Each structure stands twice: as C-alpha cells, then as structure tokens.
Amino acid sequence: MMAGFGHTTRKHPRSRSRTRRRSGPDRATLGIIGVICAVAGFFVLGIILGPLAIACGWLAMGRRWNGARPMPALIALVLGAIDTILAIVWMAGTAGPGSGMF
C-alpha cells in the first residue's frame, strides 16, 4: 500500500536518540575542548580562543547556572573569561601612544 503526501504509516519516531536530550559524553567533550582552548589562548590568539572557551564551557554546563556543574566546564568558563580580559588589556596597551614606529 502506498502512503500519500503528508500521510505516514509510522506511529513512532525513527529513533529514540532524536527525541532525548544530549547525553553526558557530549557535554564532557565540550568541557574538555573549552579547557584546551582556554589554556592555548594564554599563549596564542587569546582574543579568539578565550570567547570560544567561554562558549564551550557554557554549552557544557547545559546553558544554565543552577544544578550540578561539571568541573571542566567551569574551568573552561573561568579561564576563558580571564584569557579574554587579558587579551583585551594587552591590545589596549599596544594601541596606546608611543607604541608605533615613529
């Protein structure tokens, strides 16, 4: 029997993984990636890697402040904020008077 457009013979979703929330390993991976970005941001490209670490930490925490906080996500968030602030201070210091060639 052929189903018409808009009519389906399925009564359930194709897979259960599409309907459930994200699991722990995805959030743990985001937390670890955030920590790596934050540590690397202290040495190179802090203005880019700092906000990236903040975003990864925030997503790894489940986009909320309450509840249980995984430690790598919190570390990524804090180090990313410090990294971003240091990069902004460094850029403001190099843009001051007397820092040019002439």
C-alpha atoms as a PDB file:
ATOM      1  CA  MET A   1       0.000   0.000   0.000  1.00  0.00           C
ATOM      2  CA  MET A   2       1.332   3.446  -0.912  1.00  0.00           C
ATOM      3  CA  ALA A   3       1.133   6.346   1.502  1.00  0.00           C
ATOM      4  CA  GLY A   4       0.135   9.740   0.145  1.00  0.00           C
ATOM      5  CA  PHE A   5       1.865  13.039   0.760  1.00  0.00           C
ATOM      6  CA  GLY A   6       1.564  14.095   4.370  1.00  0.00           C
ATOM      7  CA  HIS A   7       0.283  10.722   5.484  1.00  0.00           C
ATOM      8  CA  THR A   8       2.679   8.381   7.120  1.00  0.00           C
ATOM      9  CA  THR A   9       2.366   4.838   8.262  1.00  0.00           C
ATOM     10  CA  ARG A  10       4.847   5.329  11.122  1.00  0.00           C
ATOM     11  CA  LYS A  11       3.402   5.967  14.534  1.00  0.00           C
ATOM     12  CA  HIS A  12       6.737   6.393  16.354  1.00  0.00           C
ATOM     13  CA  PRO A  13       9.901   8.445  15.688  1.00  0.00           C
ATOM     14  CA  ARG A  14      12.547   6.710  13.646  1.00  0.00           C
ATOM     15  CA  SER A  15      14.978   6.519  16.525  1.00  0.00           C
ATOM     16  CA  ARG A  16      14.847   7.289  20.196  1.00  0.00           C
ATOM     17  CA  SER A  17      18.122   9.224  20.059  1.00  0.00           C
ATOM     18  CA  ARG A  18      16.418  12.057  18.198  1.00  0.00           C
ATOM     19  CA  THR A  19      13.883  12.632  20.951  1.00  0.00           C
ATOM     20  CA  ARG A  20      16.045  12.524  24.074  1.00  0.00           C
ATOM     21  CA  ARG A  21      18.274  15.225  25.478  1.00  0.00           C
ATOM     22  CA  ARG A  22      22.015  15.391  24.944  1.00  0.00           C
ATOM     23  CA  SER A  23      23.932  12.879  26.987  1.00  0.00           C
ATOM     24  CA  GLY A  24      26.904  13.284  29.300  1.00  0.00           C
ATOM     25  CA  PRO A  25      29.770  12.477  26.939  1.00  0.00           C
ATOM     26  CA  ASP A  26      28.826  15.319  24.585  1.00  0.00           C
ATOM     27  CA  ARG A  27      28.918  17.824  27.431  1.00  0.00           C
ATOM     28  CA  ALA A  28      32.116  16.346  28.824  1.00  0.00           C
ATOM     29  CA  THR A  29      33.767  16.657  25.428  1.00  0.00           C
ATOM     30  CA  LEU A  30      32.708  20.299  25.143  1.00  0.00           C
ATOM     31  CA  GLY A  31      34.156  20.989  28.592  1.00  0.00           C
ATOM     32  CA  ILE A  32      37.496  19.449  27.691  1.00  0.00           C
ATOM     33  CA  ILE A  33      37.614  21.324  24.374  1.00  0.00           C
ATOM     34  CA  GLY A  34      36.882  24.533  26.277  1.00  0.00           C
ATOM     35  CA  VAL A  35      39.733  23.918  28.728  1.00  0.00           C
ATOM     36  CA  ILE A  36      42.141  23.214  25.867  1.00  0.00           C
ATOM     37  CA  CYS A  37      41.087  26.407  24.072  1.00  0.00           C
ATOM     38  CA  ALA A  38      41.469  28.454  27.254  1.00  0.00           C
ATOM     39  CA  VAL A  39      44.959  27.154  28.011  1.00  0.00           C
ATOM     40  CA  ALA A  40      46.084  27.586  24.406  1.00  0.00           C
ATOM     41  CA  GLY A  41      44.603  31.095  24.413  1.00  0.00           C
ATOM     42  CA  PHE A  42      47.107  32.192  27.045  1.00  0.00           C
ATOM     43  CA  PHE A  43      49.874  31.663  24.507  1.00  0.00           C
ATOM     44  CA  VAL A  44      48.341  32.451  21.090  1.00  0.00           C
ATOM     45  CA  LEU A  45      45.175  34.122  19.766  1.00  0.00           C
ATOM     46  CA  GLY A  46      43.655  34.833  23.170  1.00  0.00           C
ATOM     47  CA  ILE A  47      41.057  37.191  21.715  1.00  0.00           C
ATOM     48  CA  ILE A  48      39.621  34.323  19.649  1.00  0.00           C
ATOM     49  CA  LEU A  49      40.226  31.284  21.853  1.00  0.00           C
ATOM     50  CA  GLY A  50      39.006  32.987  25.052  1.00  0.00           C
ATOM     51  CA  PRO A  51      35.425  33.574  23.883  1.00  0.00           C
ATOM     52  CA  LEU A  52      35.456  30.139  22.245  1.00  0.00           C
ATOM     53  CA  ALA A  53      36.380  28.597  25.617  1.00  0.00           C
ATOM     54  CA  ILE A  54      33.587  30.592  27.290  1.00  0.00           C
ATOM     55  CA  ALA A  55      31.065  29.319  24.740  1.00  0.00           C
ATOM     56  CA  CYS A  56      32.215  25.699  25.089  1.00  0.00           C
ATOM     57  CA  GLY A  57      32.103  25.926  28.879  1.00  0.00           C
ATOM     58  CA  TRP A  58      28.628  27.473  28.814  1.00  0.00           C
ATOM     59  CA  LEU A  59      27.299  24.773  26.487  1.00  0.00           C
ATOM     60  CA  ALA A  60      28.944  22.046  28.560  1.00  0.00           C
ATOM     61  CA  MET A  61      27.179  23.401  31.650  1.00  0.00           C
ATOM     62  CA  GLY A  62      23.870  22.963  29.884  1.00  0.00           C
ATOM     63  CA  ARG A  63      23.370  26.729  29.350  1.00  0.00           C
ATOM     64  CA  ARG A  64      22.341  27.347  32.948  1.00  0.00           C
ATOM     65  CA  TRP A  65      23.948  28.330  36.223  1.00  0.00           C
ATOM     66  CA  ASN A  66      21.928  26.172  38.607  1.00  0.00           C
ATOM     67  CA  GLY A  67      22.305  22.472  39.221  1.00  0.00           C
ATOM     68  CA  ALA A  68      25.417  20.341  39.106  1.00  0.00           C
ATOM     69  CA  ARG A  69      28.321  21.939  37.303  1.00  0.00           C
ATOM     70  CA  PRO A  70      30.890  19.693  35.662  1.00  0.00           C
ATOM     71  CA  MET A  71      34.380  20.781  36.697  1.00  0.00           C
ATOM     72  CA  PRO A  72      35.948  21.037  33.197  1.00  0.00           C
ATOM     73  CA  ALA A  73      33.069  23.253  32.060  1.00  0.00           C
ATOM     74  CA  LEU A  74      33.514  25.621  34.991  1.00  0.00           C
ATOM     75  CA  ILE A  75      37.283  25.733  34.491  1.00  0.00           C
ATOM     76  CA  ALA A  76      36.809  26.483  30.779  1.00  0.00           C
ATOM     77  CA  LEU A  77      34.381  29.282  31.596  1.00  0.00           C
ATOM     78  CA  VAL A  78      36.632  30.942  34.175  1.00  0.00           C
ATOM     79  CA  LEU A  79      39.892  30.558  32.235  1.00  0.00           C
ATOM     80  CA  GLY A  80      38.202  31.733  29.047  1.00  0.00           C
ATOM     81  CA  ALA A  81      36.998  34.888  30.804  1.00  0.00           C
ATOM     82  CA  ILE A  82      40.472  35.572  32.230  1.00  0.00           C
ATOM     83  CA  ASP A  83      42.015  34.887  28.829  1.00  0.00           C
ATOM     84  CA  THR A  84      39.626  37.286  27.081  1.00  0.00           C
ATOM     85  CA  ILE A  85      40.219  40.059  29.629  1.00  0.00           C
ATOM     86  CA  LEU A  86      44.000  39.681  29.371  1.00  0.00           C
ATOM     87  CA  ALA A  87      43.834  39.791  25.568  1.00  0.00           C
ATOM     88  CA  ILE A  88      41.743  42.987  25.660  1.00  0.00           C
ATOM     89  CA  VAL A  89      44.152  44.613  28.154  1.00  0.00           C
ATOM     90  CA  TRP A  90      47.116  43.584  26.012  1.00  0.00           C
ATOM     91  CA  MET A  91      45.506  45.012  22.874  1.00  0.00           C
ATOM     92  CA  ALA A  92      44.666  48.266  24.679  1.00  0.00           C
ATOM     93  CA  GLY A  93      48.261  48.519  25.906  1.00  0.00           C
ATOM     94  CA  THR A  94      49.743  48.090  22.465  1.00  0.00           C
ATOM     95  CA  ALA A  95      47.395  50.655  20.931  1.00  0.00           C
ATOM     96  CA  GLY A  96      48.472  53.420  23.300  1.00  0.00           C
ATOM     97  CA  PRO A  97      50.608  56.435  22.362  1.00  0.00           C
ATOM     98  CA  GLY A  98      54.273  55.831  21.749  1.00  0.00           C
ATOM     99  CA  SER A  99      53.864  52.242  20.647  1.00  0.00           C
ATOM    100  CA  GLY A 100      54.229  52.965  16.935  1.00  0.00           C
ATOM    101  CA  MET A 101      57.353  53.129  14.821  1.00  0.00           C
ATOM    102  CA  PHE A 102      57.538  56.935  14.660  1.00  0.00           C
END
